[in-house]
Amino acid sequence: MTEMRSKIFNYTVGELIEILKEYPIDMPVIVSGYENGYENFYHPTVQKVEHLPENMYWDGEFQIEQNGIDALILEREERND
């Protein structure tokens, strides 16, 4: 079963905890989204973002902005099938 999981999922809880230890404990975390279902995510990255709550839901509440605040992003994998 463990071998099968490693082929399906990018990260385990333990692996994600180890990655998150590299970042400040007060850094915001946001995720990419839209539509339904769930996906694996890429390795977390830090981007500067601006909070734009007036955006329509499909545009996201946060947008990348050079003068924004740092946030850790869990971006879902994009499949082209």
C-alpha atoms as a PDB file:
ATOM      1  CA  MET A   1       0.000   0.000   0.000  1.00  0.00           C
ATOM      2  CA  THR A   2       2.844   2.442   0.828  1.00  0.00           C
ATOM      3  CA  GLU A   3       4.362   1.918  -2.616  1.00  0.00           C
ATOM      4  CA  MET A   4       1.004   2.622  -4.259  1.00  0.00           C
ATOM      5  CA  ARG A   5       0.576   5.846  -2.219  1.00  0.00           C
ATOM      6  CA  SER A   6       3.975   7.110  -3.274  1.00  0.00           C
ATOM      7  CA  LYS A   7       2.922   6.804  -6.920  1.00  0.00           C
ATOM      8  CA  ILE A   8      -0.427   8.572  -6.416  1.00  0.00           C
ATOM      9  CA  PHE A   9       0.292  11.317  -3.876  1.00  0.00           C
ATOM     10  CA  ASN A  10       3.054  13.915  -4.004  1.00  0.00           C
ATOM     11  CA  TYR A  11       3.358  14.333  -0.231  1.00  0.00           C
ATOM     12  CA  THR A  12       2.602  12.596   3.014  1.00  0.00           C
ATOM     13  CA  VAL A  13       1.739  14.494   6.189  1.00  0.00           C
ATOM     14  CA  GLY A  14       5.252  13.849   7.511  1.00  0.00           C
ATOM     15  CA  GLU A  15       6.898  15.195   4.363  1.00  0.00           C
ATOM     16  CA  LEU A  16       4.714  18.291   4.389  1.00  0.00           C
ATOM     17  CA  ILE A  17       5.474  18.959   8.064  1.00  0.00           C
ATOM     18  CA  GLU A  18       9.205  18.837   7.332  1.00  0.00           C
ATOM     19  CA  ILE A  19       8.812  21.301   4.444  1.00  0.00           C
ATOM     20  CA  LEU A  20       6.674  23.664   6.525  1.00  0.00           C
ATOM     21  CA  LYS A  21       9.320  23.767   9.277  1.00  0.00           C
ATOM     22  CA  GLU A  22      11.475  25.803   6.856  1.00  0.00           C
ATOM     23  CA  TYR A  23       9.076  28.777   6.985  1.00  0.00           C
ATOM     24  CA  PRO A  24       8.115  31.273   9.690  1.00  0.00           C
ATOM     25  CA  ILE A  25       5.250  29.996  11.841  1.00  0.00           C
ATOM     26  CA  ASP A  26       3.255  33.196  11.275  1.00  0.00           C
ATOM     27  CA  MET A  27       3.513  33.164   7.452  1.00  0.00           C
ATOM     28  CA  PRO A  28       0.074  33.004   5.804  1.00  0.00           C
ATOM     29  CA  VAL A  29      -0.744  29.914   3.737  1.00  0.00           C
ATOM     30  CA  ILE A  30      -3.049  30.037   0.714  1.00  0.00           C
ATOM     31  CA  VAL A  31      -4.070  27.480  -1.891  1.00  0.00           C
ATOM     32  CA  SER A  32      -4.918  27.656  -5.546  1.00  0.00           C
ATOM     33  CA  GLY A  33      -8.436  26.682  -6.347  1.00  0.00           C
ATOM     34  CA  TYR A  34     -11.524  26.818  -8.555  1.00  0.00           C
ATOM     35  CA  GLU A  35     -14.178  24.326  -9.445  1.00  0.00           C
ATOM     36  CA  ASN A  36     -14.539  21.036  -7.564  1.00  0.00           C
ATOM     37  CA  GLY A  37     -12.608  17.947  -6.604  1.00  0.00           C
ATOM     38  CA  TYR A  38      -9.087  17.712  -5.254  1.00  0.00           C
ATOM     39  CA  GLU A  39      -5.614  17.497  -6.770  1.00  0.00           C
ATOM     40  CA  ASN A  40      -2.055  16.917  -5.672  1.00  0.00           C
ATOM     41  CA  PHE A  41      -0.059  20.090  -5.180  1.00  0.00           C
ATOM     42  CA  TYR A  42       3.382  21.265  -6.245  1.00  0.00           C
ATOM     43  CA  HIS A  43       6.203  21.932  -3.789  1.00  0.00           C
ATOM     44  CA  PRO A  44       5.159  24.950  -1.678  1.00  0.00           C
ATOM     45  CA  THR A  45       6.501  28.306  -2.848  1.00  0.00           C
ATOM     46  CA  VAL A  46       6.563  31.811  -1.425  1.00  0.00           C
ATOM     47  CA  GLN A  47       5.016  34.623  -3.454  1.00  0.00           C
ATOM     48  CA  LYS A  48       4.128  38.214  -2.683  1.00  0.00           C
ATOM     49  CA  VAL A  49       0.346  38.579  -2.814  1.00  0.00           C
ATOM     50  CA  GLU A  50      -2.278  41.267  -2.362  1.00  0.00           C
ATOM     51  CA  HIS A  51      -5.651  40.623  -0.755  1.00  0.00           C
ATOM     52  CA  LEU A  52      -8.449  41.571  -3.159  1.00  0.00           C
ATOM     53  CA  PRO A  53     -11.689  40.369  -1.527  1.00  0.00           C
ATOM     54  CA  GLU A  54     -13.843  42.137  -4.116  1.00  0.00           C
ATOM     55  CA  ASN A  55     -12.603  39.777  -6.871  1.00  0.00           C
ATOM     56  CA  MET A  56     -15.074  37.306  -8.292  1.00  0.00           C
ATOM     57  CA  TYR A  57     -14.586  33.839  -6.815  1.00  0.00           C
ATOM     58  CA  TRP A  58     -13.059  32.436 -10.005  1.00  0.00           C
ATOM     59  CA  ASP A  59     -10.288  35.065  -9.897  1.00  0.00           C
ATOM     60  CA  GLY A  60      -9.284  34.265  -6.334  1.00  0.00           C
ATOM     61  CA  GLU A  61      -9.205  36.421  -3.256  1.00  0.00           C
ATOM     62  CA  PHE A  62      -5.422  36.906  -3.565  1.00  0.00           C
ATOM     63  CA  GLN A  63      -3.342  37.945  -6.560  1.00  0.00           C
ATOM     64  CA  ILE A  64       0.430  38.030  -7.062  1.00  0.00           C
ATOM     65  CA  GLU A  65       1.676  41.564  -6.456  1.00  0.00           C
ATOM     66  CA  GLN A  66       5.315  42.690  -6.180  1.00  0.00           C
ATOM     67  CA  ASN A  67       4.466  45.062  -3.333  1.00  0.00           C
ATOM     68  CA  GLY A  68       2.301  42.540  -1.486  1.00  0.00           C
ATOM     69  CA  ILE A  69       2.967  40.402   1.558  1.00  0.00           C
ATOM     70  CA  ASP A  70       4.760  37.059   1.542  1.00  0.00           C
ATOM     71  CA  ALA A  71       2.504  34.011   1.617  1.00  0.00           C
ATOM     72  CA  LEU A  72       3.246  30.322   1.277  1.00  0.00           C
ATOM     73  CA  ILE A  73       1.318  28.928  -1.673  1.00  0.00           C
ATOM     74  CA  LEU A  74       0.143  25.367  -2.104  1.00  0.00           C
ATOM     75  CA  GLU A  75      -0.624  25.346  -5.806  1.00  0.00           C
ATOM     76  CA  ARG A  76      -2.563  22.432  -7.169  1.00  0.00           C
ATOM     77  CA  GLU A  77      -1.147  20.459 -10.042  1.00  0.00           C
ATOM     78  CA  GLU A  78      -2.572  21.289 -13.431  1.00  0.00           C
ATOM     79  CA  ARG A  79      -3.537  18.360 -15.558  1.00  0.00           C
ATOM     80  CA  ASN A  80      -3.983  18.671 -19.298  1.00  0.00           C
ATOM     81  CA  ASP A  81      -6.151  15.672 -20.002  1.00  0.00           C
END
